[in-house]
Amino acid sequence: MGSDGEMLGIMSSEEALVLARAQELDLVEIAPKAKPPVLKIMDYGKFQYQQSKQERIAKGKQKKLDTKGIRIGMRTDTHDLEFKKSQAEKFLTKGNKVKIEIMLRGREKAHQDLARTTLVNFVKLISVPFKTEQEVKRFPAGYNTLICPE
């Protein structure tokens, strides 16, 4: 392929290299596994600059998702649960993931089943549409789950 995009046809790599040097450009291998391999005459430095520029633009357009955390306890009062529910809904509407943890301390660790049901019931209270990314699972200090907006 020539520098302006026209097809030059099948030729040996030596001939292509001579053409590239005559135009003071580089000979770049585009598809090495093709039969015959596809080469292009171009300014390789300019090509690299354009690629990095496109990557920077694409990186800037990406939306970075944060993971927000909410911790509840076994003895958390209903008003506090309502407040934490509204916080979780606010995080979800902003597009963030929410990690909800129930912490168990001391003798509370004897009531694993109660802690799990408390966490599941809290997640059911959330009215904003979400999908569960990580099911309720055990970790050393209690249980946690990860939800994200739909």
N, C-alpha and C. Protein backbone atom coordinates (compact mmCIF):
# COMPACT_ATOMS: atom_id res chain seq x y z
N MET A 1 0.85 -1.17 0.00
CA MET A 1 0.00 0.00 0.00
C MET A 1 0.90 1.24 0.00
N GLY A 2 0.53 2.21 -0.75
CA GLY A 2 1.31 3.44 -0.84
C GLY A 2 1.01 4.38 0.32
N SER A 3 1.71 5.51 0.36
CA SER A 3 1.53 6.46 1.46
C SER A 3 0.17 7.14 1.42
N ASP A 4 -0.44 7.23 0.23
CA ASP A 4 -1.75 7.87 0.14
C ASP A 4 -2.90 6.85 0.12
N GLY A 5 -2.60 5.57 0.38
CA GLY A 5 -3.64 4.56 0.52
C GLY A 5 -3.91 3.73 -0.72
N GLU A 6 -3.26 4.05 -1.89
CA GLU A 6 -3.54 3.27 -3.10
C GLU A 6 -2.75 1.95 -3.05
N MET A 7 -3.32 0.94 -3.68
CA MET A 7 -2.70 -0.39 -3.72
C MET A 7 -1.60 -0.39 -4.79
N LEU A 8 -0.42 -0.83 -4.41
CA LEU A 8 0.70 -0.89 -5.34
C LEU A 8 0.87 -2.27 -5.94
N GLY A 9 0.12 -3.23 -5.44
CA GLY A 9 0.18 -4.59 -5.98
C GLY A 9 1.22 -5.43 -5.27
N ILE A 10 1.36 -6.67 -5.76
CA ILE A 10 2.31 -7.61 -5.16
C ILE A 10 3.70 -7.32 -5.70
N MET A 11 4.65 -7.16 -4.76
CA MET A 11 6.04 -6.93 -5.14
C MET A 11 6.93 -7.47 -4.04
N SER A 12 8.19 -7.59 -4.33
CA SER A 12 9.12 -8.09 -3.32
C SER A 12 9.35 -7.01 -2.27
N SER A 13 9.78 -7.44 -1.11
CA SER A 13 10.00 -6.48 -0.03
C SER A 13 11.16 -5.53 -0.35
N GLU A 14 12.13 -5.99 -1.17
CA GLU A 14 13.24 -5.11 -1.54
C GLU A 14 12.74 -3.95 -2.41
N GLU A 15 11.85 -4.27 -3.36
CA GLU A 15 11.28 -3.22 -4.22
C GLU A 15 10.47 -2.23 -3.39
N ALA A 16 9.70 -2.74 -2.44
CA ALA A 16 8.89 -1.89 -1.59
C ALA A 16 9.78 -0.99 -0.73
N LEU A 17 10.88 -1.54 -0.24
CA LEU A 17 11.81 -0.76 0.57
C LEU A 17 12.45 0.36 -0.25
N VAL A 18 12.77 0.07 -1.51
CA VAL A 18 13.34 1.09 -2.39
C VAL A 18 12.31 2.20 -2.62
N LEU A 19 11.04 1.84 -2.84
CA LEU A 19 9.98 2.84 -3.02
C LEU A 19 9.83 3.71 -1.76
N ALA A 20 9.88 3.07 -0.59
CA ALA A 20 9.71 3.81 0.66
C ALA A 20 10.86 4.79 0.87
N ARG A 21 12.08 4.34 0.60
CA ARG A 21 13.24 5.22 0.78
C ARG A 21 13.22 6.37 -0.23
N ALA A 22 12.69 6.13 -1.42
CA ALA A 22 12.60 7.18 -2.43
C ALA A 22 11.65 8.29 -1.96
N GLN A 23 10.62 7.92 -1.22
CA GLN A 23 9.66 8.90 -0.70
C GLN A 23 10.04 9.41 0.69
N GLU A 24 11.19 8.92 1.21
CA GLU A 24 11.68 9.26 2.56
C GLU A 24 10.66 8.90 3.63
N LEU A 25 10.05 7.71 3.50
CA LEU A 25 9.08 7.20 4.46
C LEU A 25 9.54 5.82 4.94
N ASP A 26 8.75 5.24 5.85
CA ASP A 26 9.07 3.93 6.41
C ASP A 26 8.20 2.86 5.78
N LEU A 27 8.72 1.62 5.75
CA LEU A 27 7.97 0.47 5.27
C LEU A 27 7.51 -0.30 6.51
N VAL A 28 6.19 -0.35 6.74
CA VAL A 28 5.64 -0.94 7.94
C VAL A 28 4.82 -2.18 7.57
N GLU A 29 5.05 -3.26 8.31
CA GLU A 29 4.33 -4.51 8.08
C GLU A 29 2.99 -4.44 8.82
N ILE A 30 1.89 -4.45 8.08
CA ILE A 30 0.55 -4.31 8.66
C ILE A 30 -0.02 -5.68 9.06
N ALA A 31 0.00 -6.65 8.14
CA ALA A 31 -0.54 -7.99 8.40
C ALA A 31 0.53 -9.02 8.05
N PRO A 32 1.36 -9.40 9.02
CA PRO A 32 2.47 -10.32 8.71
C PRO A 32 2.02 -11.75 8.42
N LYS A 33 0.85 -12.17 8.90
CA LYS A 33 0.42 -13.56 8.71
C LYS A 33 -0.36 -13.77 7.43
N ALA A 34 -0.67 -12.68 6.72
CA ALA A 34 -1.41 -12.80 5.45
C ALA A 34 -0.48 -13.39 4.39
N LYS A 35 -1.07 -13.99 3.38
CA LYS A 35 -0.30 -14.54 2.26
C LYS A 35 -0.62 -13.75 1.02
N PRO A 36 0.21 -12.97 0.45
CA PRO A 36 1.51 -12.52 0.93
C PRO A 36 1.35 -11.47 2.04
N PRO A 37 2.38 -11.22 2.86
CA PRO A 37 2.27 -10.24 3.94
C PRO A 37 1.94 -8.84 3.39
N VAL A 38 1.14 -8.09 4.14
CA VAL A 38 0.72 -6.76 3.71
C VAL A 38 1.66 -5.73 4.34
N LEU A 39 2.24 -4.88 3.50
CA LEU A 39 3.14 -3.82 3.95
C LEU A 39 2.56 -2.47 3.54
N LYS A 40 2.91 -1.43 4.29
CA LYS A 40 2.41 -0.10 3.97
C LYS A 40 3.56 0.90 4.09
N ILE A 41 3.58 1.83 3.14
CA ILE A 41 4.58 2.89 3.17
C ILE A 41 3.96 4.07 3.91
N MET A 42 4.58 4.46 5.03
CA MET A 42 4.03 5.55 5.85
C MET A 42 5.12 6.17 6.70
N ASP A 43 4.80 7.31 7.30
CA ASP A 43 5.68 7.95 8.27
C ASP A 43 5.35 7.31 9.62
N TYR A 44 6.22 6.43 10.11
CA TYR A 44 5.92 5.64 11.29
C TYR A 44 5.84 6.51 12.55
N GLY A 45 6.66 7.54 12.65
CA GLY A 45 6.60 8.44 13.81
C GLY A 45 5.26 9.14 13.90
N LYS A 46 4.76 9.60 12.76
CA LYS A 46 3.45 10.26 12.71
C LYS A 46 2.35 9.27 13.08
N PHE A 47 2.48 8.04 12.60
CA PHE A 47 1.51 6.99 12.90
C PHE A 47 1.46 6.73 14.41
N GLN A 48 2.63 6.60 15.04
CA GLN A 48 2.67 6.36 16.49
C GLN A 48 2.04 7.53 17.26
N TYR A 49 2.32 8.74 16.82
CA TYR A 49 1.75 9.91 17.47
C TYR A 49 0.22 9.89 17.37
N GLN A 50 -0.32 9.57 16.19
CA GLN A 50 -1.77 9.52 16.00
C GLN A 50 -2.38 8.44 16.90
N GLN A 51 -1.72 7.29 17.00
CA GLN A 51 -2.23 6.20 17.84
C GLN A 51 -2.28 6.63 19.31
N SER A 52 -1.20 7.25 19.80
CA SER A 52 -1.18 7.66 21.20
C SER A 52 -2.22 8.75 21.46
N LYS A 53 -2.44 9.62 20.48
CA LYS A 53 -3.43 10.67 20.60
C LYS A 53 -4.83 10.06 20.72
N GLN A 54 -5.13 9.05 19.88
CA GLN A 54 -6.43 8.38 19.93
C GLN A 54 -6.62 7.65 21.26
N GLU A 55 -5.55 7.04 21.77
CA GLU A 55 -5.64 6.34 23.06
C GLU A 55 -5.92 7.32 24.19
N ARG A 56 -5.28 8.48 24.16
CA ARG A 56 -5.52 9.49 25.20
C ARG A 56 -6.97 9.97 25.16
N ILE A 57 -7.50 10.19 23.96
CA ILE A 57 -8.88 10.64 23.81
C ILE A 57 -9.84 9.56 24.33
N ALA A 58 -9.57 8.30 23.97
CA ALA A 58 -10.43 7.20 24.42
C ALA A 58 -10.36 7.04 25.93
N LYS A 59 -9.16 7.22 26.50
CA LYS A 59 -9.01 7.09 27.94
C LYS A 59 -9.76 8.19 28.67
N GLY A 60 -9.78 9.38 28.11
CA GLY A 60 -10.50 10.49 28.72
C GLY A 60 -12.00 10.30 28.68
N LYS A 61 -12.51 9.59 27.69
CA LYS A 61 -13.95 9.38 27.57
C LYS A 61 -14.45 8.24 28.44
N GLN A 62 -13.53 7.42 28.95
CA GLN A 62 -13.96 6.30 29.78
C GLN A 62 -14.53 6.81 31.09
N LYS A 63 -15.58 6.14 31.54
CA LYS A 63 -16.17 6.51 32.82
C LYS A 63 -15.57 5.60 33.88
N LYS A 64 -14.97 6.21 34.88
CA LYS A 64 -14.34 5.44 35.94
C LYS A 64 -15.40 5.12 36.99
N LEU A 65 -15.56 3.85 37.28
CA LEU A 65 -16.54 3.44 38.28
C LEU A 65 -15.85 3.33 39.63
N ASP A 66 -16.44 3.97 40.62
CA ASP A 66 -15.95 3.84 41.98
C ASP A 66 -16.78 2.80 42.70
N THR A 67 -16.18 2.18 43.70
CA THR A 67 -16.90 1.26 44.56
C THR A 67 -17.08 1.94 45.90
N LYS A 68 -18.31 2.21 46.26
CA LYS A 68 -18.62 2.85 47.53
C LYS A 68 -18.97 1.75 48.53
N GLY A 69 -18.69 1.99 49.78
CA GLY A 69 -18.95 0.98 50.81
C GLY A 69 -19.97 1.44 51.82
N ILE A 70 -20.81 0.50 52.24
CA ILE A 70 -21.78 0.76 53.30
C ILE A 70 -21.65 -0.38 54.30
N ARG A 71 -21.48 -0.02 55.57
CA ARG A 71 -21.37 -1.03 56.62
C ARG A 71 -22.57 -0.93 57.54
N ILE A 72 -23.13 -2.08 57.82
CA ILE A 72 -24.21 -2.14 58.80
C ILE A 72 -23.80 -3.15 59.86
N GLY A 73 -24.45 -3.08 60.99
CA GLY A 73 -24.19 -4.01 62.08
C GLY A 73 -25.43 -4.80 62.42
N MET A 74 -25.27 -5.74 63.31
CA MET A 74 -26.42 -6.56 63.71
C MET A 74 -27.45 -5.71 64.46
N ARG A 75 -26.99 -4.73 65.22
CA ARG A 75 -27.90 -3.95 66.06
C ARG A 75 -28.19 -2.57 65.48
N THR A 76 -27.97 -2.38 64.16
CA THR A 76 -28.24 -1.08 63.54
C THR A 76 -29.74 -0.81 63.58
N ASP A 77 -30.10 0.39 64.05
CA ASP A 77 -31.50 0.76 64.23
C ASP A 77 -32.19 0.99 62.89
N THR A 78 -33.51 0.97 62.87
CA THR A 78 -34.27 1.10 61.61
C THR A 78 -34.04 2.45 60.95
N HIS A 79 -33.97 3.53 61.73
CA HIS A 79 -33.72 4.85 61.15
C HIS A 79 -32.35 4.89 60.47
N ASP A 80 -31.35 4.31 61.11
CA ASP A 80 -30.01 4.27 60.53
C ASP A 80 -30.00 3.42 59.25
N LEU A 81 -30.77 2.32 59.26
CA LEU A 81 -30.86 1.49 58.06
C LEU A 81 -31.51 2.26 56.92
N GLU A 82 -32.53 3.08 57.23
CA GLU A 82 -33.18 3.90 56.21
C GLU A 82 -32.19 4.91 55.63
N PHE A 83 -31.37 5.51 56.49
CA PHE A 83 -30.37 6.47 56.02
C PHE A 83 -29.35 5.78 55.12
N LYS A 84 -28.87 4.62 55.55
CA LYS A 84 -27.89 3.88 54.75
C LYS A 84 -28.50 3.39 53.43
N LYS A 85 -29.79 3.07 53.46
CA LYS A 85 -30.49 2.68 52.23
C LYS A 85 -30.53 3.85 51.26
N SER A 86 -30.83 5.06 51.78
CA SER A 86 -30.87 6.22 50.89
C SER A 86 -29.47 6.54 50.35
N GLN A 87 -28.44 6.32 51.15
CA GLN A 87 -27.07 6.51 50.68
C GLN A 87 -26.75 5.54 49.55
N ALA A 88 -27.14 4.28 49.72
CA ALA A 88 -26.88 3.26 48.69
C ALA A 88 -27.62 3.62 47.40
N GLU A 89 -28.85 4.09 47.52
CA GLU A 89 -29.63 4.49 46.34
C GLU A 89 -28.98 5.67 45.65
N LYS A 90 -28.45 6.63 46.42
CA LYS A 90 -27.77 7.79 45.84
C LYS A 90 -26.52 7.34 45.08
N PHE A 91 -25.75 6.42 45.67
CA PHE A 91 -24.55 5.92 45.00
C PHE A 91 -24.91 5.22 43.70
N LEU A 92 -25.97 4.41 43.73
CA LEU A 92 -26.38 3.66 42.54
C LEU A 92 -26.86 4.60 41.43
N THR A 93 -27.60 5.66 41.80
CA THR A 93 -28.08 6.58 40.77
C THR A 93 -26.94 7.36 40.14
N LYS A 94 -25.85 7.56 40.89
CA LYS A 94 -24.68 8.24 40.33
C LYS A 94 -23.84 7.30 39.47
N GLY A 95 -24.17 6.01 39.47
CA GLY A 95 -23.47 5.05 38.62
C GLY A 95 -22.34 4.32 39.32
N ASN A 96 -22.26 4.39 40.62
CA ASN A 96 -21.20 3.71 41.36
C ASN A 96 -21.64 2.32 41.81
N LYS A 97 -20.66 1.45 41.98
CA LYS A 97 -20.93 0.15 42.58
C LYS A 97 -21.01 0.35 44.10
N VAL A 98 -21.77 -0.52 44.76
CA VAL A 98 -21.92 -0.40 46.21
C VAL A 98 -21.59 -1.75 46.85
N LYS A 99 -20.64 -1.73 47.77
CA LYS A 99 -20.29 -2.92 48.54
C LYS A 99 -20.94 -2.79 49.91
N ILE A 100 -21.84 -3.70 50.21
CA ILE A 100 -22.56 -3.65 51.48
C ILE A 100 -22.02 -4.74 52.38
N GLU A 101 -21.61 -4.34 53.58
CA GLU A 101 -21.02 -5.29 54.53
C GLU A 101 -21.82 -5.27 55.83
N ILE A 102 -21.95 -6.44 56.41
CA ILE A 102 -22.49 -6.51 57.77
C ILE A 102 -21.36 -7.03 58.65
N MET A 103 -21.03 -6.25 59.64
CA MET A 103 -19.90 -6.57 60.51
C MET A 103 -20.40 -7.31 61.75
N LEU A 104 -19.69 -8.36 62.14
CA LEU A 104 -20.04 -9.13 63.34
C LEU A 104 -18.92 -8.98 64.35
N ARG A 105 -19.30 -8.72 65.58
CA ARG A 105 -18.30 -8.53 66.63
C ARG A 105 -18.59 -9.48 67.78
N GLY A 106 -17.55 -10.04 68.34
CA GLY A 106 -17.66 -10.86 69.55
C GLY A 106 -18.68 -11.97 69.45
N ARG A 107 -19.66 -11.94 70.33
CA ARG A 107 -20.66 -13.01 70.40
C ARG A 107 -21.64 -12.97 69.23
N GLU A 108 -21.65 -11.86 68.48
CA GLU A 108 -22.52 -11.80 67.31
C GLU A 108 -22.14 -12.85 66.28
N LYS A 109 -20.89 -13.29 66.30
CA LYS A 109 -20.41 -14.29 65.33
C LYS A 109 -21.11 -15.63 65.50
N ALA A 110 -21.76 -15.83 66.61
CA ALA A 110 -22.51 -17.07 66.84
C ALA A 110 -23.82 -17.07 66.05
N HIS A 111 -24.26 -15.91 65.56
CA HIS A 111 -25.54 -15.80 64.85
C HIS A 111 -25.30 -15.51 63.36
N GLN A 112 -24.60 -16.39 62.69
CA GLN A 112 -24.27 -16.22 61.27
C GLN A 112 -25.52 -16.14 60.41
N ASP A 113 -26.49 -17.03 60.68
CA ASP A 113 -27.70 -17.08 59.86
C ASP A 113 -28.50 -15.79 59.98
N LEU A 114 -28.57 -15.23 61.17
CA LEU A 114 -29.30 -13.98 61.40
C LEU A 114 -28.61 -12.82 60.66
N ALA A 115 -27.29 -12.80 60.68
CA ALA A 115 -26.54 -11.74 59.99
C ALA A 115 -26.77 -11.81 58.48
N ARG A 116 -26.76 -13.02 57.95
CA ARG A 116 -26.98 -13.19 56.51
C ARG A 116 -28.37 -12.71 56.10
N THR A 117 -29.39 -13.09 56.88
CA THR A 117 -30.75 -12.67 56.54
C THR A 117 -30.91 -11.15 56.69
N THR A 118 -30.23 -10.57 57.67
CA THR A 118 -30.28 -9.11 57.84
C THR A 118 -29.72 -8.41 56.61
N LEU A 119 -28.60 -8.91 56.11
CA LEU A 119 -27.98 -8.32 54.93
C LEU A 119 -28.88 -8.49 53.70
N VAL A 120 -29.45 -9.67 53.52
CA VAL A 120 -30.33 -9.92 52.38
C VAL A 120 -31.57 -9.02 52.46
N ASN A 121 -32.13 -8.85 53.65
CA ASN A 121 -33.30 -7.99 53.82
C ASN A 121 -32.96 -6.53 53.54
N PHE A 122 -31.75 -6.09 53.94
CA PHE A 122 -31.33 -4.72 53.66
C PHE A 122 -31.22 -4.49 52.16
N VAL A 123 -30.66 -5.46 51.44
CA VAL A 123 -30.52 -5.32 49.99
C VAL A 123 -31.90 -5.27 49.33
N LYS A 124 -32.86 -6.01 49.86
CA LYS A 124 -34.22 -6.00 49.31
C LYS A 124 -34.91 -4.65 49.52
N LEU A 125 -34.49 -3.88 50.53
CA LEU A 125 -35.09 -2.57 50.79
C LEU A 125 -34.76 -1.55 49.70
N ILE A 126 -33.63 -1.74 49.00
CA ILE A 126 -33.17 -0.76 48.02
C ILE A 126 -34.14 -0.74 46.84
N SER A 127 -34.67 0.45 46.53
CA SER A 127 -35.71 0.56 45.50
C SER A 127 -35.16 0.91 44.12
N VAL A 128 -33.92 1.42 44.04
CA VAL A 128 -33.31 1.76 42.75
C VAL A 128 -32.96 0.45 42.03
N PRO A 129 -33.22 0.36 40.71
CA PRO A 129 -32.89 -0.88 40.01
C PRO A 129 -31.39 -1.14 40.01
N PHE A 130 -31.02 -2.38 40.36
CA PHE A 130 -29.61 -2.76 40.43
C PHE A 130 -29.48 -4.23 40.08
N LYS A 131 -28.26 -4.64 39.82
CA LYS A 131 -28.00 -6.06 39.63
C LYS A 131 -26.90 -6.48 40.59
N THR A 132 -26.99 -7.70 41.05
CA THR A 132 -26.02 -8.21 42.01
C THR A 132 -24.80 -8.70 41.25
N GLU A 133 -23.67 -8.09 41.53
CA GLU A 133 -22.44 -8.48 40.86
C GLU A 133 -21.75 -9.60 41.63
N GLN A 134 -21.90 -9.59 42.96
CA GLN A 134 -21.30 -10.62 43.80
C GLN A 134 -22.32 -11.02 44.85
N GLU A 135 -22.66 -12.28 44.88
CA GLU A 135 -23.65 -12.76 45.83
C GLU A 135 -23.15 -12.56 47.26
N VAL A 136 -24.06 -12.72 48.22
CA VAL A 136 -23.69 -12.60 49.63
C VAL A 136 -22.68 -13.69 49.95
N LYS A 137 -21.52 -13.26 50.46
CA LYS A 137 -20.49 -14.25 50.80
C LYS A 137 -19.87 -13.91 52.14
N ARG A 138 -19.32 -14.91 52.75
CA ARG A 138 -18.72 -14.80 54.08
C ARG A 138 -17.32 -14.25 53.97
N PHE A 139 -16.96 -13.37 54.87
CA PHE A 139 -15.57 -12.96 55.04
C PHE A 139 -15.31 -12.93 56.55
N PRO A 140 -14.06 -12.85 56.99
CA PRO A 140 -13.75 -13.07 58.41
C PRO A 140 -14.58 -12.26 59.42
N ALA A 141 -14.94 -11.02 59.11
CA ALA A 141 -15.67 -10.20 60.09
C ALA A 141 -17.17 -10.18 59.84
N GLY A 142 -17.68 -10.97 58.92
CA GLY A 142 -19.12 -10.98 58.66
C GLY A 142 -19.44 -11.40 57.24
N TYR A 143 -20.39 -10.69 56.61
CA TYR A 143 -20.82 -11.00 55.25
C TYR A 143 -20.77 -9.73 54.40
N ASN A 144 -20.63 -9.91 53.10
CA ASN A 144 -20.69 -8.76 52.20
C ASN A 144 -21.28 -9.16 50.85
N THR A 145 -21.72 -8.16 50.11
CA THR A 145 -22.25 -8.35 48.76
C THR A 145 -21.91 -7.10 47.95
N LEU A 146 -21.86 -7.26 46.64
CA LEU A 146 -21.53 -6.15 45.76
C LEU A 146 -22.65 -5.99 44.74
N ILE A 147 -23.22 -4.78 44.68
CA ILE A 147 -24.28 -4.51 43.71
C ILE A 147 -23.84 -3.35 42.82
N CYS A 148 -24.38 -3.33 41.61
CA CYS A 148 -24.05 -2.24 40.68
C CYS A 148 -25.33 -1.82 39.95
N PRO A 149 -25.36 -0.58 39.43
CA PRO A 149 -26.57 -0.11 38.76
C PRO A 149 -26.81 -0.86 37.46
N GLU A 150 -28.07 -0.93 37.05
CA GLU A 150 -28.41 -1.62 35.79
C GLU A 150 -28.12 -0.75 34.60
